[in-house]
Amino acid sequence: MPRSDDGLREDELASLETTFGFRFPDDLRAFLRRRPPISLYDRATLTVRLAELEAGETLAANEPRPPEEECWGWMDWRGTRPEIEARLASPFEGIAAYFRESEYWLPQWGERPPALEDRMQFLSNAPVLIPIGGQHYMAAEPSDAGNPIFSIASCCPIDMIVAGCDLADYLAGGPRSVATKGAARHIRFWSDVLYARATTRT
């Protein structure tokens, strides 16, 4: 049995992809193979490490960037199937509520279907968002390296920002403002939602 602090083996990654119906992008796949799939930090250690980094220390070689809150530790891909399914569903549930409770629809999606079930079908075809940790996600499409990390709050209306232009940027503490997120790769559906929401912010 693998230890909880081991990176994921190739057969584990393949099993997850088969079970949940998506493919890990290349950079995330490499990251999960070499790093623990759960947070390295307990509450006390996290407090100390964040204080050290704020004081000017740099990340050690191969050290992941600590989460800003304890609950933002790395996604546990060795958790139970219901736990993983719930994490995968979370961002879709947030936007589904918005679809149901408003007339939200973007011009680039074509004519708005009058039937809610058709709008939900459109939503179901959006790229899977792979949980990284907490409310941070990476799209499963495209499957090559370089997808941005989205921060998606579980609320309605939709609240999204870019937490990193790609995985490396995210691990280094990437740009999080509306002004800088345009450098990130465009992701079908999700970037449409993100940029449309950003234009209405004050």
N, C-alpha and C. Protein backbone atom coordinates (compact mmCIF):
# COMPACT_ATOMS: atom_id res chain seq x y z
N MET A 1 0.85 -1.21 0.00
CA MET A 1 0.00 0.00 0.00
C MET A 1 0.88 1.25 0.00
N PRO A 2 0.53 2.25 -0.81
CA PRO A 2 1.31 3.48 -0.80
C PRO A 2 1.05 4.27 0.48
N ARG A 3 2.07 4.99 0.94
CA ARG A 3 1.88 5.89 2.06
C ARG A 3 1.11 7.10 1.58
N SER A 4 0.41 7.78 2.53
CA SER A 4 -0.39 8.95 2.15
C SER A 4 0.48 10.10 1.67
N ASP A 5 1.80 10.08 2.03
CA ASP A 5 2.68 11.16 1.58
C ASP A 5 3.47 10.79 0.33
N ASP A 6 3.14 9.66 -0.30
CA ASP A 6 3.73 9.31 -1.59
C ASP A 6 2.95 10.00 -2.70
N GLY A 7 3.65 10.32 -3.80
CA GLY A 7 2.94 10.77 -4.98
C GLY A 7 2.10 9.63 -5.55
N LEU A 8 1.16 9.98 -6.41
CA LEU A 8 0.29 8.97 -7.01
C LEU A 8 1.05 8.16 -8.06
N ARG A 9 0.84 6.85 -8.07
CA ARG A 9 1.44 5.99 -9.07
C ARG A 9 0.66 6.13 -10.39
N GLU A 10 1.29 5.70 -11.47
CA GLU A 10 0.66 5.78 -12.78
C GLU A 10 -0.63 4.97 -12.83
N ASP A 11 -0.65 3.80 -12.18
CA ASP A 11 -1.87 3.00 -12.21
C ASP A 11 -2.99 3.67 -11.42
N GLU A 12 -2.66 4.42 -10.36
CA GLU A 12 -3.67 5.15 -9.61
C GLU A 12 -4.25 6.29 -10.46
N LEU A 13 -3.38 7.01 -11.15
CA LEU A 13 -3.85 8.08 -12.02
C LEU A 13 -4.75 7.54 -13.11
N ALA A 14 -4.34 6.44 -13.72
CA ALA A 14 -5.14 5.83 -14.79
C ALA A 14 -6.49 5.37 -14.26
N SER A 15 -6.51 4.81 -13.06
CA SER A 15 -7.77 4.35 -12.46
C SER A 15 -8.70 5.53 -12.19
N LEU A 16 -8.16 6.63 -11.68
CA LEU A 16 -8.97 7.82 -11.43
C LEU A 16 -9.56 8.35 -12.74
N GLU A 17 -8.76 8.38 -13.78
CA GLU A 17 -9.24 8.87 -15.07
C GLU A 17 -10.37 7.99 -15.62
N THR A 18 -10.20 6.69 -15.48
CA THR A 18 -11.23 5.77 -15.96
C THR A 18 -12.51 5.89 -15.13
N THR A 19 -12.35 5.98 -13.82
CA THR A 19 -13.50 6.03 -12.92
C THR A 19 -14.31 7.31 -13.09
N PHE A 20 -13.61 8.44 -13.22
CA PHE A 20 -14.30 9.73 -13.19
C PHE A 20 -14.41 10.40 -14.56
N GLY A 21 -13.85 9.78 -15.59
CA GLY A 21 -14.10 10.22 -16.94
C GLY A 21 -13.41 11.49 -17.39
N PHE A 22 -12.18 11.70 -16.96
CA PHE A 22 -11.40 12.82 -17.46
C PHE A 22 -9.93 12.41 -17.51
N ARG A 23 -9.10 13.23 -18.15
CA ARG A 23 -7.67 12.98 -18.20
C ARG A 23 -6.95 14.12 -17.51
N PHE A 24 -6.01 13.79 -16.62
CA PHE A 24 -5.20 14.82 -15.98
C PHE A 24 -4.31 15.49 -17.03
N PRO A 25 -4.30 16.82 -17.11
CA PRO A 25 -3.34 17.49 -17.98
C PRO A 25 -1.91 17.11 -17.61
N ASP A 26 -1.01 17.22 -18.57
CA ASP A 26 0.34 16.69 -18.39
C ASP A 26 1.07 17.27 -17.18
N ASP A 27 0.97 18.59 -16.96
CA ASP A 27 1.70 19.18 -15.84
C ASP A 27 1.12 18.76 -14.50
N LEU A 28 -0.21 18.66 -14.41
CA LEU A 28 -0.82 18.21 -13.16
C LEU A 28 -0.51 16.74 -12.90
N ARG A 29 -0.50 15.95 -13.96
CA ARG A 29 -0.16 14.54 -13.83
C ARG A 29 1.25 14.38 -13.26
N ALA A 30 2.20 15.12 -13.81
CA ALA A 30 3.59 15.04 -13.33
C ALA A 30 3.68 15.51 -11.89
N PHE A 31 2.94 16.56 -11.55
CA PHE A 31 2.96 17.08 -10.18
C PHE A 31 2.44 16.04 -9.19
N LEU A 32 1.32 15.41 -9.53
CA LEU A 32 0.74 14.43 -8.61
C LEU A 32 1.61 13.18 -8.48
N ARG A 33 2.39 12.86 -9.48
CA ARG A 33 3.27 11.69 -9.40
C ARG A 33 4.43 11.92 -8.44
N ARG A 34 4.89 13.16 -8.34
CA ARG A 34 6.08 13.40 -7.53
C ARG A 34 5.80 14.05 -6.18
N ARG A 35 4.56 14.49 -5.95
CA ARG A 35 4.26 15.17 -4.69
C ARG A 35 3.11 14.47 -3.97
N PRO A 36 3.03 14.67 -2.67
CA PRO A 36 1.93 14.07 -1.92
C PRO A 36 0.59 14.54 -2.45
N PRO A 37 -0.42 13.68 -2.51
CA PRO A 37 -1.74 14.07 -2.97
C PRO A 37 -2.57 14.77 -1.91
N ILE A 38 -2.04 14.93 -0.70
CA ILE A 38 -2.73 15.65 0.36
C ILE A 38 -1.76 16.67 0.96
N SER A 39 -2.26 17.57 1.79
CA SER A 39 -1.43 18.62 2.34
C SER A 39 -0.31 18.06 3.22
N LEU A 40 0.87 18.66 3.11
CA LEU A 40 1.99 18.32 3.98
C LEU A 40 1.87 19.00 5.34
N TYR A 41 0.90 19.89 5.49
CA TYR A 41 0.90 20.77 6.64
C TYR A 41 -0.25 20.49 7.60
N ASP A 42 0.07 20.33 8.88
CA ASP A 42 -0.99 20.37 9.87
C ASP A 42 -1.13 21.83 10.31
N ARG A 43 -2.09 22.12 11.19
CA ARG A 43 -2.38 23.51 11.52
C ARG A 43 -1.15 24.23 12.11
N ALA A 44 -0.46 23.61 13.06
CA ALA A 44 0.67 24.26 13.71
C ALA A 44 1.81 24.50 12.71
N THR A 45 2.13 23.47 11.92
CA THR A 45 3.22 23.60 10.95
C THR A 45 2.89 24.65 9.91
N LEU A 46 1.65 24.69 9.47
CA LEU A 46 1.24 25.66 8.47
C LEU A 46 1.42 27.08 8.98
N THR A 47 1.01 27.34 10.22
CA THR A 47 1.14 28.68 10.79
C THR A 47 2.58 29.14 10.80
N VAL A 48 3.48 28.24 11.22
CA VAL A 48 4.90 28.57 11.27
C VAL A 48 5.46 28.80 9.87
N ARG A 49 5.11 27.91 8.93
CA ARG A 49 5.68 28.00 7.58
C ARG A 49 5.21 29.26 6.86
N LEU A 50 3.95 29.62 7.00
CA LEU A 50 3.47 30.85 6.37
C LEU A 50 4.17 32.07 6.95
N ALA A 51 4.41 32.07 8.26
CA ALA A 51 5.12 33.18 8.89
C ALA A 51 6.55 33.27 8.35
N GLU A 52 7.20 32.12 8.14
CA GLU A 52 8.55 32.12 7.59
C GLU A 52 8.58 32.69 6.18
N LEU A 53 7.61 32.29 5.37
CA LEU A 53 7.56 32.78 3.99
C LEU A 53 7.25 34.27 3.94
N GLU A 54 6.37 34.72 4.83
CA GLU A 54 6.06 36.15 4.88
C GLU A 54 7.27 36.96 5.32
N ALA A 55 8.15 36.35 6.11
CA ALA A 55 9.37 37.02 6.57
C ALA A 55 10.47 37.05 5.51
N GLY A 56 10.22 36.41 4.38
CA GLY A 56 11.18 36.49 3.29
C GLY A 56 11.86 35.20 2.90
N GLU A 57 11.57 34.11 3.61
CA GLU A 57 12.18 32.83 3.22
C GLU A 57 11.60 32.36 1.88
N THR A 58 12.37 31.56 1.17
CA THR A 58 11.90 31.02 -0.11
C THR A 58 11.54 29.56 0.07
N LEU A 59 10.73 29.05 -0.86
CA LEU A 59 10.36 27.64 -0.82
C LEU A 59 11.58 26.77 -1.06
N ALA A 60 11.70 25.72 -0.27
CA ALA A 60 12.78 24.76 -0.47
C ALA A 60 12.56 23.98 -1.76
N ALA A 61 13.62 23.34 -2.24
CA ALA A 61 13.50 22.54 -3.46
C ALA A 61 12.42 21.49 -3.29
N ASN A 62 11.54 21.39 -4.28
CA ASN A 62 10.46 20.40 -4.29
C ASN A 62 9.40 20.62 -3.21
N GLU A 63 9.42 21.77 -2.55
CA GLU A 63 8.40 22.04 -1.53
C GLU A 63 7.20 22.71 -2.16
N PRO A 64 5.99 22.15 -2.00
CA PRO A 64 4.81 22.82 -2.54
C PRO A 64 4.51 24.10 -1.77
N ARG A 65 3.89 25.04 -2.45
CA ARG A 65 3.46 26.25 -1.80
C ARG A 65 2.35 25.90 -0.81
N PRO A 66 2.48 26.32 0.46
CA PRO A 66 1.46 25.95 1.45
C PRO A 66 0.14 26.63 1.16
N PRO A 67 -0.97 25.98 1.49
CA PRO A 67 -2.28 26.61 1.31
C PRO A 67 -2.44 27.78 2.25
N GLU A 68 -3.30 28.73 1.86
CA GLU A 68 -3.50 29.92 2.68
C GLU A 68 -4.35 29.62 3.91
N GLU A 69 -5.12 28.55 3.85
CA GLU A 69 -5.87 28.08 5.00
C GLU A 69 -5.67 26.58 5.07
N GLU A 70 -5.81 26.02 6.25
CA GLU A 70 -5.61 24.59 6.41
C GLU A 70 -6.51 23.79 5.48
N CYS A 71 -7.74 24.24 5.29
CA CYS A 71 -8.68 23.49 4.47
C CYS A 71 -8.33 23.56 2.99
N TRP A 72 -7.33 24.35 2.63
CA TRP A 72 -6.93 24.46 1.24
C TRP A 72 -5.77 23.54 0.92
N GLY A 73 -5.57 22.49 1.72
CA GLY A 73 -4.53 21.52 1.41
C GLY A 73 -4.81 20.81 0.09
N TRP A 74 -3.83 20.11 -0.42
CA TRP A 74 -3.98 19.44 -1.71
C TRP A 74 -5.16 18.46 -1.71
N MET A 75 -5.78 18.32 -2.84
CA MET A 75 -6.87 17.37 -3.02
C MET A 75 -6.39 15.97 -2.67
N ASP A 76 -7.20 15.24 -1.90
CA ASP A 76 -6.84 13.87 -1.52
C ASP A 76 -7.44 12.91 -2.55
N TRP A 77 -6.64 12.52 -3.53
CA TRP A 77 -7.09 11.62 -4.57
C TRP A 77 -7.17 10.18 -4.11
N ARG A 78 -6.76 9.91 -2.88
CA ARG A 78 -6.94 8.58 -2.30
C ARG A 78 -8.13 8.55 -1.35
N GLY A 79 -8.97 9.58 -1.43
CA GLY A 79 -10.18 9.59 -0.64
C GLY A 79 -11.22 8.65 -1.21
N THR A 80 -12.41 8.67 -0.63
CA THR A 80 -13.48 7.79 -1.09
C THR A 80 -14.08 8.31 -2.39
N ARG A 81 -14.73 7.42 -3.11
CA ARG A 81 -15.37 7.82 -4.37
C ARG A 81 -16.40 8.92 -4.15
N PRO A 82 -17.29 8.82 -3.14
CA PRO A 82 -18.25 9.92 -2.92
C PRO A 82 -17.56 11.25 -2.62
N GLU A 83 -16.46 11.23 -1.89
CA GLU A 83 -15.74 12.47 -1.60
C GLU A 83 -15.20 13.11 -2.88
N ILE A 84 -14.61 12.30 -3.73
CA ILE A 84 -14.05 12.82 -4.98
C ILE A 84 -15.17 13.31 -5.89
N GLU A 85 -16.25 12.55 -5.98
CA GLU A 85 -17.38 12.96 -6.82
C GLU A 85 -17.95 14.30 -6.35
N ALA A 86 -18.03 14.49 -5.05
CA ALA A 86 -18.56 15.75 -4.51
C ALA A 86 -17.67 16.92 -4.88
N ARG A 87 -16.36 16.72 -4.83
CA ARG A 87 -15.43 17.79 -5.19
C ARG A 87 -15.52 18.12 -6.67
N LEU A 88 -15.66 17.12 -7.50
CA LEU A 88 -15.78 17.34 -8.94
C LEU A 88 -17.08 18.06 -9.29
N ALA A 89 -18.14 17.77 -8.55
CA ALA A 89 -19.45 18.35 -8.83
C ALA A 89 -19.60 19.78 -8.33
N SER A 90 -18.81 20.17 -7.35
CA SER A 90 -19.03 21.43 -6.65
C SER A 90 -19.10 22.65 -7.57
N PRO A 91 -18.14 22.88 -8.48
CA PRO A 91 -18.25 24.09 -9.31
C PRO A 91 -19.43 24.06 -10.26
N PHE A 92 -19.83 22.88 -10.70
CA PHE A 92 -20.99 22.77 -11.58
C PHE A 92 -22.28 23.08 -10.81
N GLU A 93 -22.33 22.67 -9.55
CA GLU A 93 -23.53 22.93 -8.76
C GLU A 93 -23.74 24.43 -8.56
N GLY A 94 -22.62 25.15 -8.37
CA GLY A 94 -22.73 26.60 -8.19
C GLY A 94 -23.30 27.30 -9.41
N ILE A 95 -22.78 26.96 -10.57
CA ILE A 95 -23.24 27.64 -11.79
C ILE A 95 -24.61 27.12 -12.21
N ALA A 96 -24.92 25.86 -11.90
CA ALA A 96 -26.25 25.33 -12.21
C ALA A 96 -27.32 26.13 -11.47
N ALA A 97 -27.04 26.49 -10.24
CA ALA A 97 -27.99 27.30 -9.48
C ALA A 97 -28.21 28.64 -10.16
N TYR A 98 -27.15 29.20 -10.70
CA TYR A 98 -27.26 30.49 -11.39
C TYR A 98 -28.09 30.35 -12.66
N PHE A 99 -27.89 29.25 -13.38
CA PHE A 99 -28.69 29.00 -14.57
C PHE A 99 -30.18 28.89 -14.23
N ARG A 100 -30.47 28.24 -13.11
CA ARG A 100 -31.87 28.04 -12.72
C ARG A 100 -32.53 29.31 -12.23
N GLU A 101 -31.76 30.15 -11.53
CA GLU A 101 -32.35 31.28 -10.81
C GLU A 101 -32.27 32.61 -11.55
N SER A 102 -31.65 32.61 -12.73
CA SER A 102 -31.53 33.85 -13.50
C SER A 102 -31.64 33.53 -14.99
N GLU A 103 -31.59 34.56 -15.81
CA GLU A 103 -31.61 34.37 -17.26
C GLU A 103 -30.19 34.42 -17.82
N TYR A 104 -29.23 34.04 -17.01
CA TYR A 104 -27.82 34.10 -17.40
C TYR A 104 -27.55 33.29 -18.66
N TRP A 105 -26.95 33.96 -19.65
CA TRP A 105 -26.53 33.30 -20.89
C TRP A 105 -25.60 34.28 -21.61
N LEU A 106 -24.54 33.76 -22.23
CA LEU A 106 -23.57 34.63 -22.88
C LEU A 106 -23.73 34.61 -24.40
N PRO A 107 -23.53 35.74 -25.06
CA PRO A 107 -23.73 35.82 -26.52
C PRO A 107 -22.90 34.80 -27.30
N GLN A 108 -21.68 34.51 -26.84
CA GLN A 108 -20.82 33.59 -27.58
C GLN A 108 -21.32 32.15 -27.55
N TRP A 109 -22.33 31.87 -26.73
CA TRP A 109 -22.90 30.53 -26.67
C TRP A 109 -24.05 30.34 -27.66
N GLY A 110 -24.35 31.37 -28.42
CA GLY A 110 -25.44 31.26 -29.37
C GLY A 110 -26.78 31.60 -28.74
N GLU A 111 -27.84 31.17 -29.36
CA GLU A 111 -29.18 31.49 -28.86
C GLU A 111 -29.47 30.72 -27.57
N ARG A 112 -30.03 31.41 -26.61
CA ARG A 112 -30.33 30.80 -25.31
C ARG A 112 -31.49 29.82 -25.44
N PRO A 113 -31.29 28.55 -25.09
CA PRO A 113 -32.40 27.59 -25.15
C PRO A 113 -33.49 27.97 -24.15
N PRO A 114 -34.73 27.95 -24.55
CA PRO A 114 -35.80 28.33 -23.62
C PRO A 114 -36.01 27.31 -22.51
N ALA A 115 -35.72 26.05 -22.77
CA ALA A 115 -35.95 24.99 -21.77
C ALA A 115 -34.75 24.86 -20.84
N LEU A 116 -35.02 24.83 -19.54
CA LEU A 116 -33.95 24.69 -18.56
C LEU A 116 -33.16 23.40 -18.79
N GLU A 117 -33.82 22.32 -19.14
CA GLU A 117 -33.10 21.06 -19.32
C GLU A 117 -32.10 21.16 -20.46
N ASP A 118 -32.38 21.97 -21.48
CA ASP A 118 -31.43 22.15 -22.57
C ASP A 118 -30.24 23.00 -22.12
N ARG A 119 -30.50 23.97 -21.28
CA ARG A 119 -29.40 24.79 -20.74
C ARG A 119 -28.52 23.94 -19.83
N MET A 120 -29.13 23.06 -19.07
CA MET A 120 -28.36 22.17 -18.20
C MET A 120 -27.54 21.18 -19.03
N GLN A 121 -28.07 20.75 -20.14
CA GLN A 121 -27.32 19.87 -21.02
C GLN A 121 -26.09 20.59 -21.57
N PHE A 122 -26.26 21.85 -21.91
CA PHE A 122 -25.13 22.66 -22.36
C PHE A 122 -24.08 22.74 -21.26
N LEU A 123 -24.50 22.98 -20.03
CA LEU A 123 -23.58 23.06 -18.91
C LEU A 123 -22.85 21.74 -18.71
N SER A 124 -23.55 20.63 -18.87
CA SER A 124 -22.93 19.32 -18.64
C SER A 124 -21.81 19.02 -19.63
N ASN A 125 -21.80 19.74 -20.75
CA ASN A 125 -20.75 19.55 -21.75
C ASN A 125 -19.53 20.42 -21.52
N ALA A 126 -19.56 21.26 -20.49
CA ALA A 126 -18.40 22.08 -20.16
C ALA A 126 -17.25 21.19 -19.69
N PRO A 127 -16.00 21.62 -19.89
CA PRO A 127 -14.87 20.81 -19.45
C PRO A 127 -14.93 20.50 -17.95
N VAL A 128 -14.57 19.29 -17.59
CA VAL A 128 -14.45 18.92 -16.18
C VAL A 128 -13.43 19.83 -15.51
N LEU A 129 -13.73 20.26 -14.29
CA LEU A 129 -12.77 21.01 -13.49
C LEU A 129 -12.19 20.08 -12.43
N ILE A 130 -10.88 19.93 -12.46
CA ILE A 130 -10.18 19.01 -11.56
C ILE A 130 -9.80 19.75 -10.29
N PRO A 131 -10.23 19.29 -9.13
CA PRO A 131 -9.87 19.98 -7.89
C PRO A 131 -8.38 19.89 -7.60
N ILE A 132 -7.81 21.02 -7.26
CA ILE A 132 -6.41 21.10 -6.84
C ILE A 132 -6.34 21.12 -5.32
N GLY A 133 -7.15 21.97 -4.73
CA GLY A 133 -7.25 22.08 -3.28
C GLY A 133 -8.21 23.20 -2.94
N GLY A 134 -9.00 23.04 -1.89
CA GLY A 134 -9.95 24.07 -1.52
C GLY A 134 -10.88 24.40 -2.67
N GLN A 135 -10.96 25.67 -3.04
CA GLN A 135 -11.82 26.10 -4.13
C GLN A 135 -11.05 26.33 -5.43
N HIS A 136 -9.89 25.72 -5.54
CA HIS A 136 -9.04 25.89 -6.71
C HIS A 136 -9.13 24.67 -7.64
N TYR A 137 -9.26 24.96 -8.94
CA TYR A 137 -9.51 23.91 -9.94
C TYR A 137 -8.70 24.17 -11.21
N MET A 138 -8.39 23.08 -11.91
CA MET A 138 -7.79 23.16 -13.24
C MET A 138 -8.70 22.41 -14.21
N ALA A 139 -8.93 23.00 -15.38
CA ALA A 139 -9.74 22.32 -16.39
C ALA A 139 -9.01 21.11 -16.94
N ALA A 140 -9.77 20.07 -17.24
CA ALA A 140 -9.20 18.85 -17.81
C ALA A 140 -8.91 19.00 -19.30
N GLU A 141 -9.44 20.03 -19.93
CA GLU A 141 -9.23 20.28 -21.35
C GLU A 141 -8.63 21.66 -21.53
N PRO A 142 -7.61 21.75 -22.43
CA PRO A 142 -6.95 20.65 -23.14
C PRO A 142 -6.07 19.84 -22.19
N SER A 143 -5.60 18.70 -22.64
CA SER A 143 -4.87 17.81 -21.75
C SER A 143 -3.37 18.06 -21.73
N ASP A 144 -2.88 18.99 -22.55
CA ASP A 144 -1.46 19.32 -22.48
C ASP A 144 -1.22 20.34 -21.37
N ALA A 145 0.03 20.56 -21.01
CA ALA A 145 0.36 21.45 -19.89
C ALA A 145 -0.01 22.89 -20.21
N GLY A 146 -0.32 23.66 -19.17
CA GLY A 146 -0.51 25.09 -19.33
C GLY A 146 -1.89 25.63 -19.01
N ASN A 147 -2.80 24.80 -18.51
CA ASN A 147 -4.12 25.31 -18.15
C ASN A 147 -4.04 26.17 -16.90
N PRO A 148 -4.86 27.23 -16.84
CA PRO A 148 -4.88 28.07 -15.64
C PRO A 148 -5.53 27.35 -14.46
N ILE A 149 -5.27 27.89 -13.29
CA ILE A 149 -5.95 27.45 -12.07
C ILE A 149 -7.03 28.48 -11.75
N PHE A 150 -8.27 28.01 -11.69
CA PHE A 150 -9.39 28.88 -11.34
C PHE A 150 -9.70 28.77 -9.85
N SER A 151 -10.03 29.88 -9.26
CA SER A 151 -10.60 29.90 -7.91
C SER A 151 -12.09 30.17 -8.07
N ILE A 152 -12.91 29.23 -7.62
CA ILE A 152 -14.35 29.32 -7.81
C ILE A 152 -15.04 29.19 -6.46
N ALA A 153 -15.64 30.26 -6.02
CA ALA A 153 -16.36 30.24 -4.75
C ALA A 153 -17.68 29.53 -4.95
N SER A 154 -18.07 28.73 -3.98
CA SER A 154 -19.33 27.99 -4.04
C SER A 154 -20.47 28.89 -3.62
N CYS A 155 -20.85 29.76 -4.55
CA CYS A 155 -21.91 30.70 -4.23
C CYS A 155 -22.62 31.10 -5.51
N CYS A 156 -23.68 31.83 -5.36
CA CYS A 156 -24.44 32.36 -6.48
C CYS A 156 -24.71 33.83 -6.15
N PRO A 157 -24.35 34.80 -6.99
CA PRO A 157 -23.85 34.64 -8.35
C PRO A 157 -22.44 34.06 -8.42
N ILE A 158 -22.02 33.77 -9.63
CA ILE A 158 -20.74 33.12 -9.87
C ILE A 158 -19.60 34.04 -9.44
N ASP A 159 -18.64 33.49 -8.72
CA ASP A 159 -17.49 34.26 -8.26
C ASP A 159 -16.23 33.50 -8.65
N MET A 160 -15.52 33.97 -9.68
CA MET A 160 -14.33 33.29 -10.19
C MET A 160 -13.20 34.29 -10.35
N ILE A 161 -11.97 33.82 -10.09
CA ILE A 161 -10.77 34.54 -10.47
C ILE A 161 -9.76 33.51 -10.97
N VAL A 162 -8.66 34.00 -11.55
CA VAL A 162 -7.55 33.13 -11.90
C VAL A 162 -6.55 33.15 -10.75
N ALA A 163 -6.30 32.00 -10.17
CA ALA A 163 -5.34 31.88 -9.07
C ALA A 163 -3.93 31.64 -9.57
N GLY A 164 -3.78 31.30 -10.82
CA GLY A 164 -2.47 31.10 -11.43
C GLY A 164 -2.65 30.89 -12.93
N CYS A 165 -1.78 31.51 -13.73
CA CYS A 165 -1.92 31.38 -15.19
C CYS A 165 -1.66 29.96 -15.65
N ASP A 166 -0.91 29.20 -14.89
CA ASP A 166 -0.71 27.77 -15.11
C ASP A 166 -0.29 27.17 -13.78
N LEU A 167 0.01 25.88 -13.75
CA LEU A 167 0.31 25.24 -12.47
C LEU A 167 1.57 25.80 -11.83
N ALA A 168 2.61 26.02 -12.63
CA ALA A 168 3.86 26.57 -12.08
C ALA A 168 3.63 27.95 -11.48
N ASP A 169 2.86 28.77 -12.16
CA ASP A 169 2.54 30.11 -11.68
C ASP A 169 1.75 30.04 -10.38
N TYR A 170 0.81 29.11 -10.33
CA TYR A 170 0.01 28.93 -9.11
C TYR A 170 0.87 28.53 -7.92
N LEU A 171 1.78 27.57 -8.15
CA LEU A 171 2.63 27.09 -7.06
C LEU A 171 3.58 28.18 -6.57
N ALA A 172 3.88 29.13 -7.45
CA ALA A 172 4.76 30.23 -7.08
C ALA A 172 3.99 31.41 -6.49
N GLY A 173 2.67 31.27 -6.40
CA GLY A 173 1.86 32.36 -5.86
C GLY A 173 1.42 33.31 -6.96
N GLY A 174 0.83 32.79 -8.02
CA GLY A 174 0.56 33.50 -9.25
C GLY A 174 -0.41 34.67 -9.14
N PRO A 175 -0.58 35.39 -10.26
CA PRO A 175 -1.44 36.58 -10.26
C PRO A 175 -2.89 36.21 -9.97
N ARG A 176 -3.55 37.06 -9.19
CA ARG A 176 -4.93 36.77 -8.80
C ARG A 176 -5.87 37.92 -9.15
N SER A 177 -5.39 38.95 -9.82
CA SER A 177 -6.25 40.11 -10.07
C SER A 177 -6.91 40.03 -11.43
N VAL A 178 -7.99 40.79 -11.59
CA VAL A 178 -8.67 40.87 -12.87
C VAL A 178 -7.72 41.39 -13.93
N ALA A 179 -6.82 42.28 -13.58
CA ALA A 179 -5.94 42.91 -14.55
C ALA A 179 -4.93 41.94 -15.16
N THR A 180 -4.52 40.91 -14.43
CA THR A 180 -3.46 40.03 -14.92
C THR A 180 -3.96 38.70 -15.44
N LYS A 181 -5.21 38.35 -15.19
CA LYS A 181 -5.64 37.01 -15.55
C LYS A 181 -5.78 36.79 -17.05
N GLY A 182 -5.76 37.88 -17.84
CA GLY A 182 -5.85 37.73 -19.28
C GLY A 182 -4.68 37.00 -19.90
N ALA A 183 -3.59 36.82 -19.14
CA ALA A 183 -2.44 36.08 -19.66
C ALA A 183 -2.68 34.58 -19.66
N ALA A 184 -3.72 34.13 -19.01
CA ALA A 184 -3.99 32.70 -18.90
C ALA A 184 -4.62 32.17 -20.18
N ARG A 185 -4.39 30.89 -20.45
CA ARG A 185 -5.02 30.22 -21.59
C ARG A 185 -6.54 30.29 -21.47
N HIS A 186 -7.19 30.47 -22.62
CA HIS A 186 -8.65 30.47 -22.64
C HIS A 186 -9.17 29.04 -22.56
N ILE A 187 -10.08 28.80 -21.64
CA ILE A 187 -10.69 27.48 -21.45
C ILE A 187 -12.15 27.57 -21.87
N ARG A 188 -12.52 26.68 -22.76
CA ARG A 188 -13.90 26.66 -23.25
C ARG A 188 -14.91 26.72 -22.09
N PHE A 189 -15.90 27.53 -22.22
CA PHE A 189 -16.99 27.75 -21.28
C PHE A 189 -16.52 28.51 -20.03
N TRP A 190 -15.57 27.97 -19.29
CA TRP A 190 -15.20 28.55 -18.01
C TRP A 190 -14.55 29.92 -18.15
N SER A 191 -13.71 30.11 -19.15
CA SER A 191 -13.13 31.44 -19.36
C SER A 191 -14.19 32.42 -19.83
N ASP A 192 -15.17 31.94 -20.59
CA ASP A 192 -16.29 32.81 -20.98
C ASP A 192 -16.98 33.35 -19.73
N VAL A 193 -17.27 32.45 -18.81
CA VAL A 193 -17.94 32.84 -17.56
C VAL A 193 -17.07 33.80 -16.76
N LEU A 194 -15.81 33.48 -16.64
CA LEU A 194 -14.88 34.28 -15.84
C LEU A 194 -14.79 35.70 -16.36
N TYR A 195 -14.52 35.87 -17.66
CA TYR A 195 -14.31 37.21 -18.20
C TYR A 195 -15.61 38.01 -18.25
N ALA A 196 -16.71 37.34 -18.51
CA ALA A 196 -17.99 38.04 -18.51
C ALA A 196 -18.30 38.58 -17.12
N ARG A 197 -18.02 37.80 -16.10
CA ARG A 197 -18.27 38.25 -14.73
C ARG A 197 -17.33 39.40 -14.38
N ALA A 198 -16.07 39.30 -14.85
CA ALA A 198 -15.09 40.32 -14.50
C ALA A 198 -15.50 41.69 -15.04
N THR A 199 -16.13 41.75 -16.20
CA THR A 199 -16.47 43.03 -16.80
C THR A 199 -17.57 43.75 -16.03
N THR A 200 -18.28 43.03 -15.16
CA THR A 200 -19.36 43.67 -14.41
C THR A 200 -18.92 44.07 -13.01
N ARG A 201 -17.70 43.74 -12.64
CA ARG A 201 -17.23 44.07 -11.29
C ARG A 201 -16.88 45.54 -11.19
N THR A 202 -17.03 46.08 -10.00
CA THR A 202 -16.67 47.46 -9.79
C THR A 202 -15.50 47.57 -8.83
